[in-house]
Amino acid sequence: MNEQPTPFQVWTKLLWMFLKVNLLSPSGPASIGLLFDEAVGTLMSEERFVEAVGLSNVLPGSEALKLAMFVGHAAGGFPGVVAALVGAVLPPTVMMLVVAAILQYFQEEAWLKSFVSGMSPAVAALMVVVAWDLFKAGTTKKVDRRTLFIAVLSAAALYFQVPSPVVLLGAGILGVVLFR
């Protein structure tokens, strides 16, 4: 017999999930993949998660915090929002304070510039992997010409520095027209 979790258990799960996601993957875009693995199937459906990611990118502000609020509300109402936000904000705040203190101390060291140069390709690779995972999750049917058209058009718009909320809104409108 599978019992429904109590609201307190849901809020605790949200707090722990966002603490874990933000401790293991502190970068915004890279954390989406880990959050996908944690939330989909236990707190929300895959379609609902893709919707949450899309909406969090369209609205102004921090995508990570908007995603935490969406998942928190979907799973646990207003208290779920609070639990998810605490879990999402606490790790990066503490980490940023520690990193800022370290960088202040070592700011003139040559190895620090090399370290940052070495990290840049890894960050780009993480973003590509997350983008691919979201692309696969968002295409419930077989990838067809319409899907590729929207992807290529979106990439071109981003290349020409069209703001990402405008690109996402345009892609959504194209989806309504093309996938009727």
N, C-alpha and C. Protein backbone atom coordinates (compact mmCIF):
# COMPACT_ATOMS: atom_id res chain seq x y z
N MET A 1 0.84 -1.18 0.00
CA MET A 1 0.00 0.00 0.00
C MET A 1 0.89 1.24 0.00
N ASN A 2 0.68 2.12 -0.97
CA ASN A 2 1.50 3.31 -1.13
C ASN A 2 0.77 4.52 -0.57
N GLU A 3 1.25 5.05 0.54
CA GLU A 3 0.59 6.18 1.18
C GLU A 3 1.07 7.49 0.58
N GLN A 4 0.17 8.45 0.57
CA GLN A 4 0.52 9.79 0.12
C GLN A 4 1.42 10.43 1.17
N PRO A 5 2.45 11.15 0.75
CA PRO A 5 3.30 11.83 1.74
C PRO A 5 2.54 12.99 2.39
N THR A 6 2.88 13.26 3.63
CA THR A 6 2.28 14.40 4.33
C THR A 6 2.85 15.69 3.72
N PRO A 7 2.15 16.80 3.92
CA PRO A 7 2.70 18.07 3.42
C PRO A 7 4.11 18.35 3.96
N PHE A 8 4.33 18.04 5.23
CA PHE A 8 5.66 18.27 5.81
C PHE A 8 6.72 17.44 5.09
N GLN A 9 6.39 16.20 4.74
CA GLN A 9 7.34 15.36 4.00
C GLN A 9 7.63 15.93 2.62
N VAL A 10 6.62 16.49 1.96
CA VAL A 10 6.82 17.11 0.65
C VAL A 10 7.73 18.33 0.79
N TRP A 11 7.49 19.17 1.79
CA TRP A 11 8.30 20.36 1.98
C TRP A 11 9.74 20.00 2.32
N THR A 12 9.90 18.97 3.14
CA THR A 12 11.26 18.51 3.47
C THR A 12 11.97 17.98 2.24
N LYS A 13 11.23 17.23 1.41
CA LYS A 13 11.80 16.71 0.17
C LYS A 13 12.23 17.85 -0.75
N LEU A 14 11.39 18.89 -0.86
CA LEU A 14 11.73 20.04 -1.69
C LEU A 14 12.99 20.74 -1.17
N LEU A 15 13.04 20.97 0.13
CA LEU A 15 14.21 21.62 0.72
C LEU A 15 15.47 20.80 0.44
N TRP A 16 15.41 19.51 0.71
CA TRP A 16 16.55 18.63 0.51
C TRP A 16 16.93 18.56 -0.97
N MET A 17 15.93 18.46 -1.85
CA MET A 17 16.19 18.34 -3.28
C MET A 17 16.92 19.58 -3.79
N PHE A 18 16.46 20.77 -3.43
CA PHE A 18 17.11 21.98 -3.92
C PHE A 18 18.45 22.22 -3.25
N LEU A 19 18.59 21.83 -1.98
CA LEU A 19 19.92 21.90 -1.35
C LEU A 19 20.90 21.01 -2.12
N LYS A 20 20.47 19.77 -2.39
CA LYS A 20 21.33 18.81 -3.09
C LYS A 20 21.67 19.29 -4.49
N VAL A 21 20.68 19.72 -5.24
CA VAL A 21 20.91 20.18 -6.61
C VAL A 21 21.87 21.35 -6.61
N ASN A 22 21.68 22.29 -5.69
CA ASN A 22 22.52 23.48 -5.68
C ASN A 22 23.89 23.25 -5.05
N LEU A 23 24.04 22.18 -4.30
CA LEU A 23 25.37 21.83 -3.80
C LEU A 23 26.17 21.03 -4.84
N LEU A 24 25.48 20.14 -5.55
CA LEU A 24 26.17 19.28 -6.52
C LEU A 24 26.38 19.96 -7.87
N SER A 25 25.55 20.91 -8.20
CA SER A 25 25.64 21.57 -9.50
C SER A 25 25.29 23.04 -9.34
N PRO A 26 26.24 23.83 -8.87
CA PRO A 26 25.92 25.21 -8.55
C PRO A 26 25.65 26.13 -9.74
N SER A 27 25.99 25.71 -10.97
CA SER A 27 25.71 26.61 -12.09
C SER A 27 24.26 26.46 -12.52
N GLY A 28 23.63 27.56 -12.90
CA GLY A 28 22.21 27.57 -13.25
C GLY A 28 21.82 26.58 -14.33
N PRO A 29 22.37 26.74 -15.56
CA PRO A 29 21.95 25.83 -16.63
C PRO A 29 22.30 24.37 -16.37
N ALA A 30 23.43 24.11 -15.75
CA ALA A 30 23.82 22.72 -15.49
C ALA A 30 22.94 22.07 -14.44
N SER A 31 22.39 22.87 -13.54
CA SER A 31 21.56 22.29 -12.48
C SER A 31 20.21 21.82 -13.00
N ILE A 32 19.80 22.30 -14.16
CA ILE A 32 18.50 21.91 -14.70
C ILE A 32 18.46 20.41 -14.97
N GLY A 33 19.54 19.86 -15.50
CA GLY A 33 19.59 18.42 -15.75
C GLY A 33 19.45 17.60 -14.48
N LEU A 34 20.15 18.00 -13.44
CA LEU A 34 20.07 17.30 -12.16
C LEU A 34 18.68 17.47 -11.54
N LEU A 35 18.14 18.66 -11.63
CA LEU A 35 16.80 18.90 -11.11
C LEU A 35 15.77 18.07 -11.87
N PHE A 36 15.96 17.94 -13.17
CA PHE A 36 15.08 17.10 -13.99
C PHE A 36 15.07 15.68 -13.43
N ASP A 37 16.27 15.13 -13.16
CA ASP A 37 16.36 13.76 -12.62
C ASP A 37 15.69 13.64 -11.26
N GLU A 38 15.78 14.69 -10.44
CA GLU A 38 15.24 14.64 -9.08
C GLU A 38 13.72 14.85 -9.05
N ALA A 39 13.21 15.75 -9.89
CA ALA A 39 11.80 16.15 -9.77
C ALA A 39 10.86 15.33 -10.63
N VAL A 40 11.30 14.97 -11.84
CA VAL A 40 10.40 14.29 -12.76
C VAL A 40 10.13 12.87 -12.27
N GLY A 41 8.87 12.55 -12.18
CA GLY A 41 8.46 11.23 -11.72
C GLY A 41 8.13 11.19 -10.24
N THR A 42 8.75 12.05 -9.46
CA THR A 42 8.46 12.06 -8.02
C THR A 42 7.57 13.24 -7.64
N LEU A 43 7.84 14.40 -8.22
CA LEU A 43 7.06 15.59 -7.87
C LEU A 43 6.22 16.12 -9.03
N MET A 44 6.65 15.84 -10.25
CA MET A 44 5.92 16.36 -11.40
C MET A 44 6.22 15.55 -12.65
N SER A 45 5.38 15.73 -13.66
CA SER A 45 5.57 15.01 -14.92
C SER A 45 6.65 15.68 -15.75
N GLU A 46 7.14 14.96 -16.73
CA GLU A 46 8.16 15.50 -17.63
C GLU A 46 7.63 16.72 -18.38
N GLU A 47 6.40 16.65 -18.85
CA GLU A 47 5.80 17.76 -19.59
C GLU A 47 5.70 19.00 -18.71
N ARG A 48 5.29 18.79 -17.45
CA ARG A 48 5.16 19.92 -16.52
C ARG A 48 6.53 20.54 -16.23
N PHE A 49 7.58 19.72 -16.15
CA PHE A 49 8.93 20.23 -15.90
C PHE A 49 9.41 21.06 -17.09
N VAL A 50 9.19 20.57 -18.30
CA VAL A 50 9.59 21.32 -19.50
C VAL A 50 8.84 22.65 -19.53
N GLU A 51 7.56 22.63 -19.17
CA GLU A 51 6.77 23.86 -19.09
C GLU A 51 7.39 24.81 -18.06
N ALA A 52 7.79 24.28 -16.92
CA ALA A 52 8.39 25.10 -15.87
C ALA A 52 9.69 25.75 -16.36
N VAL A 53 10.53 24.99 -17.05
CA VAL A 53 11.79 25.53 -17.56
C VAL A 53 11.51 26.62 -18.59
N GLY A 54 10.56 26.36 -19.48
CA GLY A 54 10.23 27.36 -20.49
C GLY A 54 9.70 28.64 -19.88
N LEU A 55 8.77 28.52 -18.95
CA LEU A 55 8.22 29.72 -18.31
C LEU A 55 9.27 30.45 -17.48
N SER A 56 10.15 29.72 -16.83
CA SER A 56 11.17 30.38 -16.02
C SER A 56 12.16 31.14 -16.89
N ASN A 57 12.30 30.76 -18.15
CA ASN A 57 13.18 31.49 -19.05
C ASN A 57 12.50 32.67 -19.72
N VAL A 58 11.18 32.64 -19.81
CA VAL A 58 10.46 33.74 -20.46
C VAL A 58 10.31 34.92 -19.50
N LEU A 59 10.03 34.64 -18.24
CA LEU A 59 9.81 35.70 -17.27
C LEU A 59 11.14 36.32 -16.84
N PRO A 60 11.13 37.62 -16.50
CA PRO A 60 12.38 38.26 -16.07
C PRO A 60 12.83 37.76 -14.69
N GLY A 61 14.13 37.79 -14.47
CA GLY A 61 14.69 37.40 -13.18
C GLY A 61 15.51 36.12 -13.28
N SER A 62 15.96 35.64 -12.15
CA SER A 62 16.79 34.45 -12.08
C SER A 62 16.00 33.20 -12.45
N GLU A 63 16.48 32.49 -13.47
CA GLU A 63 15.80 31.27 -13.90
C GLU A 63 15.77 30.22 -12.80
N ALA A 64 16.85 30.09 -12.07
CA ALA A 64 16.93 29.07 -11.03
C ALA A 64 15.89 29.32 -9.94
N LEU A 65 15.73 30.57 -9.54
CA LEU A 65 14.76 30.87 -8.49
C LEU A 65 13.33 30.72 -8.99
N LYS A 66 13.09 31.12 -10.23
CA LYS A 66 11.73 30.96 -10.78
C LYS A 66 11.39 29.48 -10.92
N LEU A 67 12.39 28.68 -11.32
CA LEU A 67 12.16 27.24 -11.44
C LEU A 67 11.89 26.63 -10.06
N ALA A 68 12.64 27.06 -9.05
CA ALA A 68 12.40 26.58 -7.69
C ALA A 68 10.99 26.94 -7.23
N MET A 69 10.56 28.15 -7.54
CA MET A 69 9.21 28.56 -7.13
C MET A 69 8.14 27.73 -7.85
N PHE A 70 8.35 27.48 -9.14
CA PHE A 70 7.37 26.71 -9.92
C PHE A 70 7.27 25.29 -9.38
N VAL A 71 8.43 24.63 -9.22
CA VAL A 71 8.43 23.25 -8.72
C VAL A 71 7.89 23.21 -7.29
N GLY A 72 8.32 24.15 -6.46
CA GLY A 72 7.85 24.19 -5.07
C GLY A 72 6.35 24.37 -4.98
N HIS A 73 5.81 25.25 -5.79
CA HIS A 73 4.35 25.47 -5.77
C HIS A 73 3.60 24.27 -6.31
N ALA A 74 4.12 23.68 -7.39
CA ALA A 74 3.45 22.51 -7.98
C ALA A 74 3.40 21.35 -7.00
N ALA A 75 4.44 21.20 -6.20
CA ALA A 75 4.51 20.05 -5.29
C ALA A 75 3.95 20.33 -3.91
N GLY A 76 4.08 21.59 -3.42
CA GLY A 76 3.71 21.83 -2.03
C GLY A 76 3.05 23.15 -1.73
N GLY A 77 2.48 23.80 -2.74
CA GLY A 77 1.81 25.08 -2.50
C GLY A 77 2.78 26.16 -2.04
N PHE A 78 2.25 27.17 -1.33
CA PHE A 78 3.09 28.27 -0.88
C PHE A 78 4.22 27.82 0.06
N PRO A 79 3.94 26.95 1.04
CA PRO A 79 5.05 26.46 1.87
C PRO A 79 6.11 25.71 1.04
N GLY A 80 5.69 25.05 -0.03
CA GLY A 80 6.63 24.39 -0.92
C GLY A 80 7.52 25.39 -1.62
N VAL A 81 6.96 26.55 -1.98
CA VAL A 81 7.75 27.62 -2.59
C VAL A 81 8.84 28.06 -1.62
N VAL A 82 8.46 28.28 -0.36
CA VAL A 82 9.42 28.74 0.65
C VAL A 82 10.52 27.69 0.85
N ALA A 83 10.14 26.43 0.97
CA ALA A 83 11.13 25.35 1.16
C ALA A 83 12.08 25.27 -0.03
N ALA A 84 11.53 25.32 -1.24
CA ALA A 84 12.37 25.24 -2.45
C ALA A 84 13.29 26.45 -2.55
N LEU A 85 12.79 27.64 -2.24
CA LEU A 85 13.63 28.84 -2.31
C LEU A 85 14.76 28.81 -1.29
N VAL A 86 14.47 28.37 -0.08
CA VAL A 86 15.54 28.27 0.93
C VAL A 86 16.60 27.28 0.44
N GLY A 87 16.17 26.15 -0.07
CA GLY A 87 17.12 25.17 -0.59
C GLY A 87 17.89 25.67 -1.79
N ALA A 88 17.26 26.52 -2.61
CA ALA A 88 17.92 27.03 -3.81
C ALA A 88 18.86 28.20 -3.50
N VAL A 89 18.53 29.00 -2.50
CA VAL A 89 19.30 30.21 -2.22
C VAL A 89 20.47 29.97 -1.26
N LEU A 90 20.29 29.11 -0.30
CA LEU A 90 21.31 28.92 0.73
C LEU A 90 22.67 28.44 0.20
N PRO A 91 22.74 27.35 -0.58
CA PRO A 91 24.05 26.90 -1.04
C PRO A 91 24.81 27.92 -1.90
N PRO A 92 24.18 28.53 -2.91
CA PRO A 92 24.96 29.48 -3.70
C PRO A 92 25.37 30.73 -2.91
N THR A 93 24.55 31.13 -1.95
CA THR A 93 24.91 32.30 -1.15
C THR A 93 26.15 32.02 -0.32
N VAL A 94 26.15 30.89 0.36
CA VAL A 94 27.31 30.53 1.18
C VAL A 94 28.54 30.31 0.30
N MET A 95 28.35 29.58 -0.81
CA MET A 95 29.48 29.33 -1.73
C MET A 95 30.04 30.64 -2.29
N MET A 96 29.17 31.56 -2.66
CA MET A 96 29.63 32.81 -3.24
C MET A 96 30.42 33.63 -2.24
N LEU A 97 29.99 33.63 -0.99
CA LEU A 97 30.74 34.35 0.04
C LEU A 97 32.13 33.75 0.21
N VAL A 98 32.22 32.43 0.22
CA VAL A 98 33.51 31.75 0.36
C VAL A 98 34.40 32.01 -0.86
N VAL A 99 33.84 31.85 -2.05
CA VAL A 99 34.61 32.06 -3.29
C VAL A 99 35.07 33.51 -3.40
N ALA A 100 34.21 34.46 -3.06
CA ALA A 100 34.59 35.88 -3.12
C ALA A 100 35.76 36.16 -2.19
N ALA A 101 35.73 35.58 -1.01
CA ALA A 101 36.84 35.78 -0.07
C ALA A 101 38.14 35.18 -0.62
N ILE A 102 38.05 33.98 -1.21
CA ILE A 102 39.24 33.33 -1.78
C ILE A 102 39.76 34.13 -2.98
N LEU A 103 38.86 34.52 -3.88
CA LEU A 103 39.28 35.29 -5.06
C LEU A 103 39.90 36.62 -4.67
N GLN A 104 39.37 37.24 -3.67
CA GLN A 104 39.95 38.50 -3.19
C GLN A 104 41.39 38.28 -2.74
N TYR A 105 41.61 37.17 -2.08
CA TYR A 105 42.94 36.86 -1.56
C TYR A 105 43.94 36.54 -2.69
N PHE A 106 43.47 35.78 -3.71
CA PHE A 106 44.36 35.32 -4.78
C PHE A 106 44.21 36.10 -6.09
N GLN A 107 43.58 37.26 -6.10
CA GLN A 107 43.21 37.92 -7.34
C GLN A 107 44.38 38.27 -8.26
N GLU A 108 45.56 38.42 -7.77
CA GLU A 108 46.70 38.78 -8.61
C GLU A 108 47.51 37.57 -9.09
N GLU A 109 47.13 36.38 -8.72
CA GLU A 109 47.89 35.17 -9.09
C GLU A 109 47.60 34.77 -10.54
N ALA A 110 48.67 34.41 -11.27
CA ALA A 110 48.54 34.02 -12.68
C ALA A 110 47.77 32.70 -12.84
N TRP A 111 47.94 31.78 -11.89
CA TRP A 111 47.27 30.48 -12.01
C TRP A 111 45.75 30.61 -12.00
N LEU A 112 45.24 31.66 -11.35
CA LEU A 112 43.81 31.85 -11.28
C LEU A 112 43.22 32.15 -12.67
N LYS A 113 43.92 32.96 -13.45
CA LYS A 113 43.46 33.25 -14.82
C LYS A 113 43.48 31.98 -15.67
N SER A 114 44.49 31.14 -15.50
CA SER A 114 44.56 29.88 -16.23
C SER A 114 43.46 28.92 -15.80
N PHE A 115 43.17 28.91 -14.52
CA PHE A 115 42.10 28.07 -14.00
C PHE A 115 40.76 28.44 -14.65
N VAL A 116 40.47 29.72 -14.70
CA VAL A 116 39.22 30.19 -15.31
C VAL A 116 39.20 29.86 -16.80
N SER A 117 40.32 30.01 -17.49
CA SER A 117 40.38 29.66 -18.92
C SER A 117 40.15 28.18 -19.13
N GLY A 118 40.58 27.34 -18.22
CA GLY A 118 40.36 25.91 -18.33
C GLY A 118 38.92 25.50 -18.05
N MET A 119 38.24 26.26 -17.22
CA MET A 119 36.85 25.94 -16.90
C MET A 119 35.88 26.31 -18.01
N SER A 120 36.18 27.30 -18.79
CA SER A 120 35.24 27.81 -19.80
C SER A 120 34.75 26.74 -20.77
N PRO A 121 35.61 25.89 -21.35
CA PRO A 121 35.10 24.86 -22.26
C PRO A 121 34.20 23.84 -21.55
N ALA A 122 34.50 23.54 -20.30
CA ALA A 122 33.67 22.59 -19.55
C ALA A 122 32.28 23.16 -19.30
N VAL A 123 32.20 24.44 -19.01
CA VAL A 123 30.90 25.08 -18.81
C VAL A 123 30.10 25.04 -20.11
N ALA A 124 30.75 25.31 -21.23
CA ALA A 124 30.07 25.25 -22.53
C ALA A 124 29.56 23.84 -22.80
N ALA A 125 30.36 22.83 -22.49
CA ALA A 125 29.94 21.44 -22.71
C ALA A 125 28.74 21.08 -21.83
N LEU A 126 28.74 21.53 -20.58
CA LEU A 126 27.61 21.28 -19.68
C LEU A 126 26.33 21.90 -20.24
N MET A 127 26.44 23.09 -20.77
CA MET A 127 25.26 23.76 -21.32
C MET A 127 24.73 23.01 -22.55
N VAL A 128 25.62 22.48 -23.37
CA VAL A 128 25.19 21.71 -24.55
C VAL A 128 24.46 20.44 -24.12
N VAL A 129 24.99 19.74 -23.12
CA VAL A 129 24.36 18.51 -22.65
C VAL A 129 22.97 18.79 -22.08
N VAL A 130 22.85 19.84 -21.28
CA VAL A 130 21.55 20.20 -20.71
C VAL A 130 20.57 20.60 -21.82
N ALA A 131 21.06 21.37 -22.79
CA ALA A 131 20.19 21.77 -23.90
C ALA A 131 19.69 20.55 -24.66
N TRP A 132 20.56 19.58 -24.88
CA TRP A 132 20.15 18.37 -25.59
C TRP A 132 19.10 17.59 -24.80
N ASP A 133 19.32 17.46 -23.48
CA ASP A 133 18.35 16.76 -22.63
C ASP A 133 16.99 17.44 -22.67
N LEU A 134 16.97 18.77 -22.60
CA LEU A 134 15.71 19.49 -22.65
C LEU A 134 15.06 19.38 -24.02
N PHE A 135 15.87 19.38 -25.07
CA PHE A 135 15.34 19.23 -26.43
C PHE A 135 14.65 17.88 -26.57
N LYS A 136 15.31 16.83 -26.08
CA LYS A 136 14.73 15.49 -26.15
C LYS A 136 13.46 15.40 -25.31
N ALA A 137 13.47 16.01 -24.13
CA ALA A 137 12.31 15.95 -23.25
C ALA A 137 11.13 16.74 -23.81
N GLY A 138 11.40 17.80 -24.53
CA GLY A 138 10.34 18.65 -25.06
C GLY A 138 9.71 18.12 -26.33
N THR A 139 10.35 17.15 -26.96
CA THR A 139 9.80 16.58 -28.19
C THR A 139 9.15 15.26 -27.86
N THR A 140 7.84 15.32 -27.62
CA THR A 140 7.13 14.10 -27.23
C THR A 140 6.95 13.16 -28.40
N LYS A 141 7.00 13.71 -29.61
CA LYS A 141 6.91 12.87 -30.80
C LYS A 141 8.30 12.75 -31.41
N LYS A 142 8.37 12.05 -32.53
CA LYS A 142 9.62 11.94 -33.25
C LYS A 142 10.03 13.33 -33.74
N VAL A 143 11.34 13.62 -33.71
CA VAL A 143 11.83 14.90 -34.19
C VAL A 143 11.54 14.99 -35.69
N ASP A 144 10.83 16.04 -36.08
CA ASP A 144 10.49 16.20 -37.49
C ASP A 144 11.01 17.55 -37.98
N ARG A 145 10.64 17.90 -39.21
CA ARG A 145 11.13 19.14 -39.83
C ARG A 145 10.67 20.38 -39.08
N ARG A 146 9.45 20.34 -38.54
CA ARG A 146 8.94 21.50 -37.80
C ARG A 146 9.78 21.75 -36.55
N THR A 147 10.10 20.68 -35.83
CA THR A 147 10.91 20.81 -34.62
C THR A 147 12.30 21.34 -34.96
N LEU A 148 12.90 20.78 -35.99
CA LEU A 148 14.23 21.25 -36.40
C LEU A 148 14.18 22.69 -36.89
N PHE A 149 13.11 23.07 -37.59
CA PHE A 149 12.96 24.44 -38.06
C PHE A 149 12.95 25.41 -36.89
N ILE A 150 12.16 25.09 -35.85
CA ILE A 150 12.10 25.97 -34.68
C ILE A 150 13.46 26.02 -33.98
N ALA A 151 14.13 24.87 -33.89
CA ALA A 151 15.45 24.83 -33.23
C ALA A 151 16.47 25.67 -33.99
N VAL A 152 16.52 25.52 -35.31
CA VAL A 152 17.50 26.27 -36.12
C VAL A 152 17.17 27.76 -36.11
N LEU A 153 15.90 28.10 -36.24
CA LEU A 153 15.50 29.51 -36.21
C LEU A 153 15.82 30.13 -34.85
N SER A 154 15.58 29.38 -33.78
CA SER A 154 15.90 29.88 -32.43
C SER A 154 17.40 30.08 -32.27
N ALA A 155 18.19 29.12 -32.74
CA ALA A 155 19.65 29.25 -32.65
C ALA A 155 20.14 30.47 -33.43
N ALA A 156 19.58 30.67 -34.62
CA ALA A 156 19.98 31.83 -35.43
C ALA A 156 19.61 33.13 -34.72
N ALA A 157 18.42 33.19 -34.15
CA ALA A 157 18.01 34.40 -33.43
C ALA A 157 18.93 34.66 -32.24
N LEU A 158 19.28 33.61 -31.51
CA LEU A 158 20.20 33.78 -30.37
C LEU A 158 21.58 34.21 -30.84
N TYR A 159 22.02 33.68 -31.99
CA TYR A 159 23.32 34.07 -32.55
C TYR A 159 23.35 35.57 -32.84
N PHE A 160 22.22 36.08 -33.33
CA PHE A 160 22.13 37.51 -33.65
C PHE A 160 21.67 38.33 -32.44
N GLN A 161 21.81 37.75 -31.26
CA GLN A 161 21.61 38.41 -29.97
C GLN A 161 20.18 38.91 -29.72
N VAL A 162 19.21 38.17 -30.26
CA VAL A 162 17.82 38.45 -29.90
C VAL A 162 17.66 37.97 -28.46
N PRO A 163 17.06 38.76 -27.58
CA PRO A 163 16.93 38.35 -26.18
C PRO A 163 16.21 37.00 -26.05
N SER A 164 16.72 36.15 -25.15
CA SER A 164 16.19 34.80 -25.01
C SER A 164 14.68 34.77 -24.69
N PRO A 165 14.14 35.68 -23.87
CA PRO A 165 12.69 35.63 -23.66
C PRO A 165 11.90 35.84 -24.97
N VAL A 166 12.42 36.70 -25.85
CA VAL A 166 11.76 36.94 -27.13
C VAL A 166 11.84 35.68 -28.00
N VAL A 167 13.00 35.02 -27.99
CA VAL A 167 13.16 33.78 -28.77
C VAL A 167 12.20 32.71 -28.26
N LEU A 168 12.11 32.54 -26.94
CA LEU A 168 11.21 31.53 -26.38
C LEU A 168 9.75 31.84 -26.68
N LEU A 169 9.38 33.09 -26.57
CA LEU A 169 8.00 33.47 -26.88
C LEU A 169 7.70 33.22 -28.35
N GLY A 170 8.64 33.60 -29.23
CA GLY A 170 8.46 33.35 -30.66
C GLY A 170 8.38 31.87 -30.97
N ALA A 171 9.21 31.06 -30.32
CA ALA A 171 9.18 29.62 -30.55
C ALA A 171 7.85 29.03 -30.08
N GLY A 172 7.34 29.53 -28.96
CA GLY A 172 6.04 29.06 -28.49
C GLY A 172 4.93 29.39 -29.46
N ILE A 173 4.95 30.61 -30.00
CA ILE A 173 3.94 31.02 -30.98
C ILE A 173 4.06 30.16 -32.24
N LEU A 174 5.31 29.92 -32.69
CA LEU A 174 5.51 29.04 -33.85
C LEU A 174 4.99 27.63 -33.56
N GLY A 175 5.20 27.16 -32.34
CA GLY A 175 4.69 25.85 -31.95
C GLY A 175 3.19 25.77 -32.07
N VAL A 176 2.50 26.84 -31.64
CA VAL A 176 1.04 26.87 -31.76
C VAL A 176 0.62 26.80 -33.22
N VAL A 177 1.34 27.53 -34.07
CA VAL A 177 0.99 27.56 -35.50
C VAL A 177 1.35 26.24 -36.18
N LEU A 178 2.53 25.72 -35.91
CA LEU A 178 3.03 24.55 -36.65
C LEU A 178 2.49 23.21 -36.13
N PHE A 179 2.17 23.13 -34.85
CA PHE A 179 1.78 21.85 -34.26
C PHE A 179 0.28 21.76 -33.95
N ARG A 180 -0.53 22.52 -34.65
CA ARG A 180 -1.98 22.49 -34.41
C ARG A 180 -2.54 21.14 -34.63
